[in-house]
Amino acid sequence: MQMLQVQLEVGTDPKEVGRARRWARSRLVDLGMEPDESLSETLVLLVSELVTNAVVHTGRPAVLRMALSGCLVTGSGTVRIEVVDACAVPPRRCRADGDDTHGRGLELVGGLADRWGWRCEGSGKRVWCELDRGCGAASAGAGAGAGTGTGTAGEVESTASTASTEGFVEAPRDRPAVQPART
C-alpha cells in the first residue's frame, strides 16, 4: 500500500487558514485529483475547519498534516488530516443557533468525515479526521451523523463507520459527547 505524508507549519494569523486551504488544494492536484472533484472540495473544507479551530482557539502555531494511503488517483484510499497544536484544551463540539457565526466547525467535520477524533499529545493535542474514497461502507456512511464517545486519557473519536482506529474506543451513535468547554 502506498503512503504519503505532507505537512505545513501554520502561524497564528487568521490569514493562515486561506494559505492552508491553497496548500491542501495544491497537494491534492499534485496527486492527480481534480480541483473541483467532490472529495477534493470536502478535504479542503475539512482542512479549513481544523486549521481555523487551531488558529482561533489557541492563538499558537500549529502543524497541518495530510497523510494519504492507498491509491487515491485510481479511486480508493484514505486521506487523514491532522492539526497538532500546543494547547491542551480539548476541542468541543458546539451547537450553533440560527445566525451564530461560530460553533459549526466540528459539526461540519463530524458530518463530512468518515471518522474524526482527538488525543492529547505532549503539552498540546492532535485533532484528526479521515475521509475514505471508494472504500465501500465507510464512504457511504460519511455525513450520516456520527456519534461521539470518550476513550482513555482524553482521547475521543467520532465515526460514521464501524471500524475503530488508533486504539480509540468506538463511539455509540446515540450518546452525545461530554467534553470540557473550550475557552
N, C-alpha and C. Protein backbone atom coordinates (compact mmCIF):
# COMPACT_ATOMS: atom_id res chain seq x y z
N MET A 1 0.84 -1.17 0.00
CA MET A 1 0.00 0.00 0.00
C MET A 1 0.89 1.24 0.00
N GLN A 2 0.50 2.21 -0.81
CA GLN A 2 1.20 3.48 -0.91
C GLN A 2 0.86 4.36 0.29
N MET A 3 1.85 5.12 0.80
CA MET A 3 1.58 6.07 1.89
C MET A 3 2.40 7.31 1.62
N LEU A 4 1.76 8.46 1.70
CA LEU A 4 2.42 9.74 1.50
C LEU A 4 1.95 10.67 2.60
N GLN A 5 2.89 11.37 3.23
CA GLN A 5 2.53 12.35 4.24
C GLN A 5 3.20 13.66 3.92
N VAL A 6 2.45 14.75 3.97
CA VAL A 6 2.97 16.09 3.76
C VAL A 6 2.52 16.95 4.92
N GLN A 7 3.28 18.00 5.22
CA GLN A 7 2.89 18.86 6.33
C GLN A 7 3.22 20.31 6.05
N LEU A 8 2.52 21.18 6.76
CA LEU A 8 2.66 22.62 6.62
C LEU A 8 2.62 23.22 8.02
N GLU A 9 3.57 24.08 8.33
CA GLU A 9 3.52 24.81 9.60
C GLU A 9 2.59 26.00 9.41
N VAL A 10 1.71 26.19 10.38
CA VAL A 10 0.69 27.22 10.31
C VAL A 10 0.93 28.21 11.45
N GLY A 11 0.98 29.49 11.10
CA GLY A 11 1.16 30.53 12.10
C GLY A 11 -0.15 30.92 12.77
N THR A 12 -0.09 31.97 13.56
CA THR A 12 -1.25 32.37 14.36
C THR A 12 -2.15 33.39 13.67
N ASP A 13 -1.74 33.93 12.55
CA ASP A 13 -2.54 34.91 11.81
C ASP A 13 -3.72 34.20 11.15
N PRO A 14 -4.94 34.72 11.28
CA PRO A 14 -6.10 34.10 10.63
C PRO A 14 -5.95 33.93 9.12
N LYS A 15 -5.07 34.71 8.49
CA LYS A 15 -4.82 34.56 7.05
C LYS A 15 -4.18 33.21 6.74
N GLU A 16 -3.63 32.56 7.74
CA GLU A 16 -3.01 31.25 7.57
C GLU A 16 -4.02 30.20 7.15
N VAL A 17 -5.30 30.41 7.48
CA VAL A 17 -6.33 29.45 7.10
C VAL A 17 -6.44 29.39 5.57
N GLY A 18 -6.45 30.54 4.93
CA GLY A 18 -6.50 30.58 3.47
C GLY A 18 -5.26 29.95 2.85
N ARG A 19 -4.11 30.22 3.44
CA ARG A 19 -2.86 29.62 2.96
C ARG A 19 -2.92 28.10 3.09
N ALA A 20 -3.48 27.59 4.19
CA ALA A 20 -3.61 26.14 4.40
C ALA A 20 -4.54 25.52 3.37
N ARG A 21 -5.65 26.22 3.05
CA ARG A 21 -6.56 25.72 2.02
C ARG A 21 -5.87 25.64 0.66
N ARG A 22 -5.15 26.70 0.28
CA ARG A 22 -4.44 26.71 -1.01
C ARG A 22 -3.39 25.61 -1.05
N TRP A 23 -2.67 25.43 0.03
CA TRP A 23 -1.64 24.39 0.13
C TRP A 23 -2.27 23.00 -0.04
N ALA A 24 -3.37 22.75 0.68
CA ALA A 24 -4.03 21.44 0.61
C ALA A 24 -4.54 21.19 -0.81
N ARG A 25 -5.18 22.19 -1.42
CA ARG A 25 -5.70 22.03 -2.78
C ARG A 25 -4.55 21.71 -3.74
N SER A 26 -3.43 22.40 -3.60
CA SER A 26 -2.26 22.17 -4.45
C SER A 26 -1.70 20.76 -4.28
N ARG A 27 -1.62 20.28 -3.03
CA ARG A 27 -1.11 18.92 -2.79
C ARG A 27 -2.03 17.90 -3.43
N LEU A 28 -3.33 18.10 -3.34
CA LEU A 28 -4.28 17.15 -3.92
C LEU A 28 -4.20 17.14 -5.44
N VAL A 29 -4.03 18.31 -6.05
CA VAL A 29 -3.86 18.39 -7.50
C VAL A 29 -2.57 17.67 -7.91
N ASP A 30 -1.50 17.87 -7.12
CA ASP A 30 -0.23 17.18 -7.40
C ASP A 30 -0.40 15.66 -7.41
N LEU A 31 -1.37 15.17 -6.64
CA LEU A 31 -1.64 13.74 -6.57
C LEU A 31 -2.60 13.26 -7.65
N GLY A 32 -3.03 14.18 -8.51
CA GLY A 32 -3.88 13.79 -9.63
C GLY A 32 -5.36 13.98 -9.40
N MET A 33 -5.75 14.59 -8.28
CA MET A 33 -7.17 14.83 -8.04
C MET A 33 -7.57 16.12 -8.74
N GLU A 34 -8.76 16.12 -9.32
CA GLU A 34 -9.28 17.33 -9.95
C GLU A 34 -9.65 18.33 -8.86
N PRO A 35 -9.31 19.62 -9.05
CA PRO A 35 -9.60 20.62 -8.01
C PRO A 35 -11.09 20.77 -7.71
N ASP A 36 -11.95 20.49 -8.68
CA ASP A 36 -13.39 20.62 -8.43
C ASP A 36 -14.05 19.29 -8.10
N GLU A 37 -13.26 18.24 -7.94
CA GLU A 37 -13.79 16.94 -7.55
C GLU A 37 -14.40 17.05 -6.15
N SER A 38 -15.50 16.39 -5.93
CA SER A 38 -16.22 16.45 -4.67
C SER A 38 -15.32 16.11 -3.48
N LEU A 39 -14.54 15.04 -3.59
CA LEU A 39 -13.65 14.64 -2.49
C LEU A 39 -12.63 15.72 -2.20
N SER A 40 -12.07 16.32 -3.24
CA SER A 40 -11.09 17.38 -3.07
C SER A 40 -11.69 18.57 -2.34
N GLU A 41 -12.87 18.99 -2.75
CA GLU A 41 -13.53 20.12 -2.10
C GLU A 41 -13.85 19.81 -0.64
N THR A 42 -14.28 18.59 -0.36
CA THR A 42 -14.58 18.19 1.01
C THR A 42 -13.32 18.21 1.86
N LEU A 43 -12.21 17.70 1.32
CA LEU A 43 -10.95 17.70 2.06
C LEU A 43 -10.48 19.12 2.36
N VAL A 44 -10.60 20.01 1.39
CA VAL A 44 -10.19 21.39 1.61
C VAL A 44 -11.07 22.04 2.69
N LEU A 45 -12.35 21.75 2.70
CA LEU A 45 -13.24 22.28 3.74
C LEU A 45 -12.84 21.73 5.11
N LEU A 46 -12.52 20.45 5.19
CA LEU A 46 -12.09 19.86 6.46
C LEU A 46 -10.79 20.51 6.95
N VAL A 47 -9.84 20.72 6.04
CA VAL A 47 -8.59 21.42 6.40
C VAL A 47 -8.94 22.80 6.97
N SER A 48 -9.80 23.51 6.27
CA SER A 48 -10.18 24.85 6.69
C SER A 48 -10.76 24.86 8.10
N GLU A 49 -11.65 23.94 8.39
CA GLU A 49 -12.29 23.91 9.71
C GLU A 49 -11.30 23.57 10.81
N LEU A 50 -10.45 22.56 10.59
CA LEU A 50 -9.50 22.17 11.64
C LEU A 50 -8.44 23.24 11.87
N VAL A 51 -7.94 23.84 10.80
CA VAL A 51 -6.93 24.90 10.96
C VAL A 51 -7.57 26.13 11.60
N THR A 52 -8.78 26.48 11.20
CA THR A 52 -9.46 27.62 11.82
C THR A 52 -9.60 27.41 13.32
N ASN A 53 -10.01 26.21 13.74
CA ASN A 53 -10.13 25.93 15.17
C ASN A 53 -8.80 26.13 15.88
N ALA A 54 -7.72 25.64 15.30
CA ALA A 54 -6.41 25.78 15.94
C ALA A 54 -6.00 27.24 16.03
N VAL A 55 -6.16 27.99 14.95
CA VAL A 55 -5.74 29.39 14.92
C VAL A 55 -6.61 30.25 15.85
N VAL A 56 -7.92 30.09 15.76
CA VAL A 56 -8.84 30.94 16.53
C VAL A 56 -8.83 30.60 18.02
N HIS A 57 -8.82 29.32 18.35
CA HIS A 57 -8.99 28.94 19.75
C HIS A 57 -7.71 28.79 20.54
N THR A 58 -6.56 28.69 19.88
CA THR A 58 -5.32 28.53 20.65
C THR A 58 -4.43 29.75 20.59
N GLY A 59 -4.46 30.49 19.50
CA GLY A 59 -3.56 31.63 19.36
C GLY A 59 -2.10 31.22 19.29
N ARG A 60 -1.86 29.96 18.96
CA ARG A 60 -0.50 29.42 18.88
C ARG A 60 -0.27 28.78 17.52
N PRO A 61 0.98 28.67 17.10
CA PRO A 61 1.26 27.99 15.83
C PRO A 61 0.80 26.53 15.89
N ALA A 62 0.59 25.95 14.73
CA ALA A 62 0.15 24.56 14.63
C ALA A 62 0.84 23.92 13.43
N VAL A 63 0.68 22.62 13.33
CA VAL A 63 1.20 21.88 12.18
C VAL A 63 0.02 21.14 11.55
N LEU A 64 -0.16 21.35 10.25
CA LEU A 64 -1.18 20.67 9.47
C LEU A 64 -0.49 19.53 8.73
N ARG A 65 -1.06 18.33 8.84
CA ARG A 65 -0.52 17.18 8.11
C ARG A 65 -1.64 16.54 7.31
N MET A 66 -1.29 16.08 6.12
CA MET A 66 -2.19 15.25 5.33
C MET A 66 -1.44 13.97 5.04
N ALA A 67 -2.05 12.85 5.40
CA ALA A 67 -1.47 11.54 5.12
C ALA A 67 -2.42 10.83 4.17
N LEU A 68 -1.87 10.35 3.08
CA LEU A 68 -2.67 9.69 2.05
C LEU A 68 -2.21 8.24 1.96
N SER A 69 -3.17 7.33 2.06
CA SER A 69 -2.83 5.92 1.93
C SER A 69 -3.67 5.31 0.81
N GLY A 70 -3.17 4.27 0.21
CA GLY A 70 -3.86 3.65 -0.91
C GLY A 70 -3.52 4.38 -2.19
N CYS A 71 -4.36 4.28 -3.16
CA CYS A 71 -4.15 4.92 -4.45
C CYS A 71 -5.35 5.79 -4.75
N LEU A 72 -5.31 7.03 -4.30
CA LEU A 72 -6.45 7.92 -4.46
C LEU A 72 -6.76 8.20 -5.92
N VAL A 73 -5.74 8.22 -6.75
CA VAL A 73 -5.95 8.55 -8.16
C VAL A 73 -6.83 7.50 -8.84
N THR A 74 -6.67 6.22 -8.48
CA THR A 74 -7.47 5.18 -9.12
C THR A 74 -8.80 4.94 -8.42
N GLY A 75 -9.07 5.69 -7.37
CA GLY A 75 -10.40 5.62 -6.79
C GLY A 75 -10.53 4.94 -5.44
N SER A 76 -9.45 4.58 -4.78
CA SER A 76 -9.59 4.02 -3.44
C SER A 76 -8.46 4.53 -2.56
N GLY A 77 -8.72 4.61 -1.30
CA GLY A 77 -7.71 5.07 -0.37
C GLY A 77 -8.33 5.94 0.71
N THR A 78 -7.48 6.41 1.61
CA THR A 78 -7.92 7.23 2.74
C THR A 78 -7.02 8.44 2.84
N VAL A 79 -7.62 9.58 3.14
CA VAL A 79 -6.86 10.79 3.43
C VAL A 79 -7.11 11.11 4.89
N ARG A 80 -6.03 11.29 5.63
CA ARG A 80 -6.10 11.66 7.04
C ARG A 80 -5.56 13.08 7.17
N ILE A 81 -6.33 13.94 7.79
CA ILE A 81 -5.92 15.31 8.04
C ILE A 81 -5.72 15.44 9.55
N GLU A 82 -4.59 16.01 9.93
CA GLU A 82 -4.29 16.21 11.34
C GLU A 82 -3.84 17.65 11.55
N VAL A 83 -4.26 18.23 12.66
CA VAL A 83 -3.74 19.52 13.08
C VAL A 83 -3.26 19.34 14.51
N VAL A 84 -1.96 19.60 14.69
CA VAL A 84 -1.34 19.46 16.00
C VAL A 84 -1.05 20.86 16.51
N ASP A 85 -1.51 21.15 17.74
CA ASP A 85 -1.24 22.47 18.32
C ASP A 85 -0.69 22.30 19.73
N ALA A 86 -0.25 23.40 20.33
CA ALA A 86 0.39 23.36 21.64
C ALA A 86 -0.57 23.77 22.75
N CYS A 87 -1.85 23.56 22.56
CA CYS A 87 -2.86 23.90 23.56
C CYS A 87 -3.55 22.61 23.99
N ALA A 88 -3.51 22.31 25.27
CA ALA A 88 -4.07 21.05 25.77
C ALA A 88 -5.59 21.09 25.95
N VAL A 89 -6.23 22.23 25.75
CA VAL A 89 -7.68 22.32 25.91
C VAL A 89 -8.34 21.48 24.82
N PRO A 90 -9.18 20.53 25.20
CA PRO A 90 -9.82 19.65 24.20
C PRO A 90 -10.76 20.41 23.28
N PRO A 91 -10.94 19.91 22.07
CA PRO A 91 -11.93 20.52 21.19
C PRO A 91 -13.32 20.25 21.74
N ARG A 92 -14.24 21.14 21.46
CA ARG A 92 -15.60 20.98 21.96
C ARG A 92 -16.57 21.20 20.82
N ARG A 93 -17.41 20.22 20.62
CA ARG A 93 -18.45 20.31 19.60
C ARG A 93 -19.57 21.18 20.13
N CYS A 94 -19.92 22.23 19.40
CA CYS A 94 -20.97 23.16 19.82
C CYS A 94 -22.19 23.00 18.93
N ARG A 95 -23.27 23.54 19.38
CA ARG A 95 -24.49 23.61 18.56
C ARG A 95 -24.78 25.09 18.33
N ALA A 96 -24.54 25.55 17.12
CA ALA A 96 -24.77 26.95 16.79
C ALA A 96 -26.26 27.19 16.54
N ASP A 97 -26.73 28.35 16.94
CA ASP A 97 -28.10 28.75 16.67
C ASP A 97 -28.15 29.62 15.43
N GLY A 98 -29.29 29.64 14.77
CA GLY A 98 -29.60 30.45 13.60
C GLY A 98 -28.51 31.30 13.00
N ASP A 99 -28.32 32.50 13.53
CA ASP A 99 -27.39 33.47 12.94
C ASP A 99 -26.00 33.45 13.56
N ASP A 100 -25.71 32.51 14.46
CA ASP A 100 -24.38 32.44 15.06
C ASP A 100 -23.32 32.32 13.98
N THR A 101 -22.23 33.04 14.17
CA THR A 101 -21.14 32.99 13.19
C THR A 101 -20.05 32.02 13.59
N HIS A 102 -20.14 31.43 14.76
CA HIS A 102 -19.16 30.46 15.23
C HIS A 102 -19.89 29.24 15.77
N GLY A 103 -19.16 28.14 15.92
CA GLY A 103 -19.73 26.97 16.57
C GLY A 103 -20.18 25.86 15.65
N ARG A 104 -19.87 25.95 14.37
CA ARG A 104 -20.30 24.91 13.43
C ARG A 104 -19.15 24.04 12.93
N GLY A 105 -17.92 24.38 13.25
CA GLY A 105 -16.76 23.70 12.69
C GLY A 105 -16.72 22.20 12.92
N LEU A 106 -16.80 21.78 14.16
CA LEU A 106 -16.73 20.34 14.44
C LEU A 106 -18.00 19.62 14.03
N GLU A 107 -19.12 20.34 13.97
CA GLU A 107 -20.34 19.74 13.42
C GLU A 107 -20.13 19.41 11.95
N LEU A 108 -19.51 20.32 11.22
CA LEU A 108 -19.19 20.07 9.81
C LEU A 108 -18.22 18.90 9.67
N VAL A 109 -17.17 18.91 10.50
CA VAL A 109 -16.19 17.82 10.45
C VAL A 109 -16.89 16.50 10.72
N GLY A 110 -17.73 16.46 11.75
CA GLY A 110 -18.45 15.23 12.09
C GLY A 110 -19.40 14.78 10.99
N GLY A 111 -19.96 15.73 10.26
CA GLY A 111 -20.89 15.38 9.20
C GLY A 111 -20.22 14.97 7.89
N LEU A 112 -19.02 15.48 7.65
CA LEU A 112 -18.34 15.23 6.38
C LEU A 112 -17.31 14.10 6.43
N ALA A 113 -16.63 13.95 7.55
CA ALA A 113 -15.56 12.95 7.65
C ALA A 113 -16.14 11.57 7.95
N ASP A 114 -15.42 10.54 7.53
CA ASP A 114 -15.81 9.17 7.88
C ASP A 114 -15.48 8.88 9.34
N ARG A 115 -14.42 9.49 9.84
CA ARG A 115 -14.01 9.36 11.24
C ARG A 115 -13.33 10.65 11.64
N TRP A 116 -13.43 11.01 12.91
CA TRP A 116 -12.65 12.13 13.43
C TRP A 116 -12.44 11.92 14.91
N GLY A 117 -11.46 12.60 15.45
CA GLY A 117 -11.20 12.49 16.87
C GLY A 117 -10.06 13.40 17.29
N TRP A 118 -9.63 13.22 18.51
CA TRP A 118 -8.51 14.00 19.03
C TRP A 118 -7.84 13.20 20.13
N ARG A 119 -6.61 13.59 20.42
CA ARG A 119 -5.92 12.98 21.55
C ARG A 119 -4.88 13.96 22.07
N CYS A 120 -4.58 13.83 23.35
CA CYS A 120 -3.54 14.65 23.96
C CYS A 120 -2.21 14.26 23.33
N GLU A 121 -1.36 15.25 23.14
CA GLU A 121 -0.03 14.99 22.60
C GLU A 121 0.93 15.99 23.23
N GLY A 122 1.81 15.48 24.08
CA GLY A 122 2.73 16.36 24.79
C GLY A 122 1.94 17.39 25.59
N SER A 123 2.26 18.66 25.41
CA SER A 123 1.54 19.72 26.11
C SER A 123 0.38 20.25 25.28
N GLY A 124 0.08 19.59 24.18
CA GLY A 124 -1.00 20.03 23.30
C GLY A 124 -1.93 18.90 22.92
N LYS A 125 -2.41 18.96 21.67
CA LYS A 125 -3.33 17.92 21.20
C LYS A 125 -3.21 17.77 19.69
N ARG A 126 -3.73 16.64 19.22
CA ARG A 126 -3.82 16.34 17.79
C ARG A 126 -5.30 16.12 17.49
N VAL A 127 -5.84 16.92 16.58
CA VAL A 127 -7.21 16.75 16.12
C VAL A 127 -7.12 16.22 14.70
N TRP A 128 -7.86 15.16 14.41
CA TRP A 128 -7.71 14.49 13.11
C TRP A 128 -9.07 14.11 12.55
N CYS A 129 -9.08 13.90 11.25
CA CYS A 129 -10.25 13.33 10.60
C CYS A 129 -9.77 12.52 9.40
N GLU A 130 -10.58 11.58 8.98
CA GLU A 130 -10.26 10.74 7.83
C GLU A 130 -11.44 10.70 6.88
N LEU A 131 -11.10 10.65 5.60
CA LEU A 131 -12.09 10.56 4.55
C LEU A 131 -11.66 9.45 3.61
N ASP A 132 -12.55 8.49 3.39
CA ASP A 132 -12.27 7.36 2.51
C ASP A 132 -12.78 7.66 1.11
N ARG A 133 -12.11 7.09 0.14
CA ARG A 133 -12.55 7.23 -1.25
C ARG A 133 -12.71 5.84 -1.84
N GLY A 134 -13.93 5.52 -2.22
CA GLY A 134 -14.19 4.25 -2.89
C GLY A 134 -13.92 3.03 -2.05
N CYS A 135 -14.12 3.14 -0.74
CA CYS A 135 -13.81 2.01 0.13
C CYS A 135 -15.07 1.37 0.71
N GLY A 136 -16.17 1.47 0.01
CA GLY A 136 -17.37 0.75 0.42
C GLY A 136 -18.16 1.44 1.50
N ALA A 137 -18.48 0.70 2.56
CA ALA A 137 -19.41 1.16 3.59
C ALA A 137 -18.95 2.41 4.29
N ALA A 138 -17.66 2.56 4.55
CA ALA A 138 -17.20 3.75 5.27
C ALA A 138 -17.49 5.00 4.48
N SER A 139 -17.29 4.97 3.17
CA SER A 139 -17.57 6.14 2.34
C SER A 139 -19.06 6.43 2.31
N ALA A 140 -19.88 5.40 2.25
CA ALA A 140 -21.32 5.59 2.21
C ALA A 140 -21.82 6.18 3.52
N GLY A 141 -21.11 5.96 4.64
CA GLY A 141 -21.54 6.46 5.93
C GLY A 141 -21.15 7.89 6.19
N ALA A 142 -20.30 8.49 5.38
CA ALA A 142 -19.87 9.86 5.62
C ALA A 142 -21.07 10.78 5.61
N GLY A 143 -21.10 11.66 6.60
CA GLY A 143 -22.18 12.62 6.67
C GLY A 143 -23.45 12.04 7.27
N ALA A 144 -23.40 10.83 7.76
CA ALA A 144 -24.60 10.19 8.27
C ALA A 144 -24.92 10.57 9.70
N GLY A 145 -24.17 11.49 10.29
CA GLY A 145 -24.47 11.93 11.65
C GLY A 145 -23.84 11.02 12.68
N ALA A 146 -22.55 11.02 12.75
CA ALA A 146 -21.83 10.16 13.67
C ALA A 146 -22.04 10.57 15.11
N GLY A 147 -21.89 9.61 16.00
CA GLY A 147 -21.94 9.89 17.43
C GLY A 147 -20.55 10.12 17.96
N THR A 148 -20.46 10.43 19.24
CA THR A 148 -19.16 10.69 19.85
C THR A 148 -19.06 9.92 21.14
N GLY A 149 -17.88 9.43 21.45
CA GLY A 149 -17.64 8.73 22.70
C GLY A 149 -16.29 9.11 23.24
N THR A 150 -16.03 8.78 24.47
CA THR A 150 -14.78 9.14 25.10
C THR A 150 -13.97 7.89 25.35
N GLY A 151 -12.71 7.92 24.98
CA GLY A 151 -11.78 6.84 25.24
C GLY A 151 -10.98 7.16 26.49
N THR A 152 -9.76 6.67 26.55
CA THR A 152 -8.92 6.90 27.71
C THR A 152 -8.02 8.09 27.50
N ALA A 153 -7.55 8.68 28.56
CA ALA A 153 -6.56 9.76 28.55
C ALA A 153 -6.95 10.90 27.61
N GLY A 154 -8.22 11.27 27.63
CA GLY A 154 -8.66 12.40 26.83
C GLY A 154 -8.78 12.11 25.36
N GLU A 155 -8.82 10.85 24.97
CA GLU A 155 -8.95 10.51 23.56
C GLU A 155 -10.41 10.39 23.20
N VAL A 156 -10.78 11.00 22.10
CA VAL A 156 -12.16 10.98 21.66
C VAL A 156 -12.18 10.64 20.19
N GLU A 157 -13.10 9.83 19.77
CA GLU A 157 -13.27 9.54 18.35
C GLU A 157 -14.74 9.65 18.02
N SER A 158 -15.00 10.13 16.86
CA SER A 158 -16.34 10.14 16.31
C SER A 158 -16.24 9.41 14.99
N THR A 159 -17.17 8.53 14.70
CA THR A 159 -17.03 7.73 13.49
C THR A 159 -18.37 7.45 12.84
N ALA A 160 -18.34 7.41 11.52
CA ALA A 160 -19.53 7.03 10.78
C ALA A 160 -19.40 5.60 10.29
N SER A 161 -18.26 4.99 10.51
CA SER A 161 -18.05 3.61 10.09
C SER A 161 -18.03 2.72 11.32
N THR A 162 -17.89 1.43 11.10
CA THR A 162 -17.86 0.51 12.23
C THR A 162 -16.45 0.22 12.69
N ALA A 163 -15.44 0.70 12.00
CA ALA A 163 -14.06 0.43 12.38
C ALA A 163 -13.54 1.50 13.33
N SER A 164 -12.79 1.06 14.32
CA SER A 164 -12.14 1.97 15.25
C SER A 164 -10.67 2.08 14.86
N THR A 165 -10.07 3.27 14.98
CA THR A 165 -8.68 3.45 14.59
C THR A 165 -7.85 3.92 15.75
N GLU A 166 -6.54 3.67 15.69
CA GLU A 166 -5.57 4.13 16.66
C GLU A 166 -5.93 3.76 18.09
N GLY A 167 -6.63 2.69 18.32
CA GLY A 167 -6.94 2.27 19.67
C GLY A 167 -8.00 3.12 20.36
N PHE A 168 -8.65 4.00 19.63
CA PHE A 168 -9.71 4.78 20.22
C PHE A 168 -10.92 3.90 20.43
N VAL A 169 -11.72 4.22 21.42
CA VAL A 169 -12.94 3.49 21.68
C VAL A 169 -13.99 3.97 20.70
N GLU A 170 -14.64 3.03 20.01
CA GLU A 170 -15.68 3.43 19.07
C GLU A 170 -16.85 4.02 19.82
N ALA A 171 -17.44 5.03 19.24
CA ALA A 171 -18.49 5.79 19.89
C ALA A 171 -19.86 5.17 19.66
N PRO A 172 -20.66 5.11 20.71
CA PRO A 172 -22.06 4.76 20.50
C PRO A 172 -22.72 5.90 19.74
N ARG A 173 -23.58 5.59 18.80
CA ARG A 173 -24.18 6.62 17.95
C ARG A 173 -25.28 7.40 18.64
N ASP A 174 -25.82 6.90 19.73
CA ASP A 174 -26.96 7.57 20.34
C ASP A 174 -26.60 8.35 21.59
N ARG A 175 -25.32 8.50 21.90
CA ARG A 175 -24.92 9.20 23.12
C ARG A 175 -24.18 10.48 22.76
N PRO A 176 -24.63 11.63 23.28
CA PRO A 176 -23.93 12.88 22.98
C PRO A 176 -22.58 12.92 23.69
N ALA A 177 -21.69 13.72 23.16
CA ALA A 177 -20.36 13.87 23.75
C ALA A 177 -20.42 14.64 25.04
N VAL A 178 -19.60 14.27 25.99
CA VAL A 178 -19.40 15.04 27.20
C VAL A 178 -17.96 15.44 27.16
N GLN A 179 -17.71 16.70 26.83
CA GLN A 179 -16.36 17.20 26.68
C GLN A 179 -16.21 18.52 27.39
N PRO A 180 -15.02 18.80 27.94
CA PRO A 180 -14.80 20.08 28.61
C PRO A 180 -14.97 21.23 27.63
N ALA A 181 -15.36 22.36 28.15
CA ALA A 181 -15.56 23.55 27.30
C ALA A 181 -14.24 24.11 26.84
N ARG A 182 -14.22 24.60 25.62
CA ARG A 182 -13.05 25.27 25.05
C ARG A 182 -13.20 26.75 25.38
N THR A 183 -12.12 27.34 25.86
CA THR A 183 -12.16 28.78 26.17
C THR A 183 -11.25 29.55 25.28
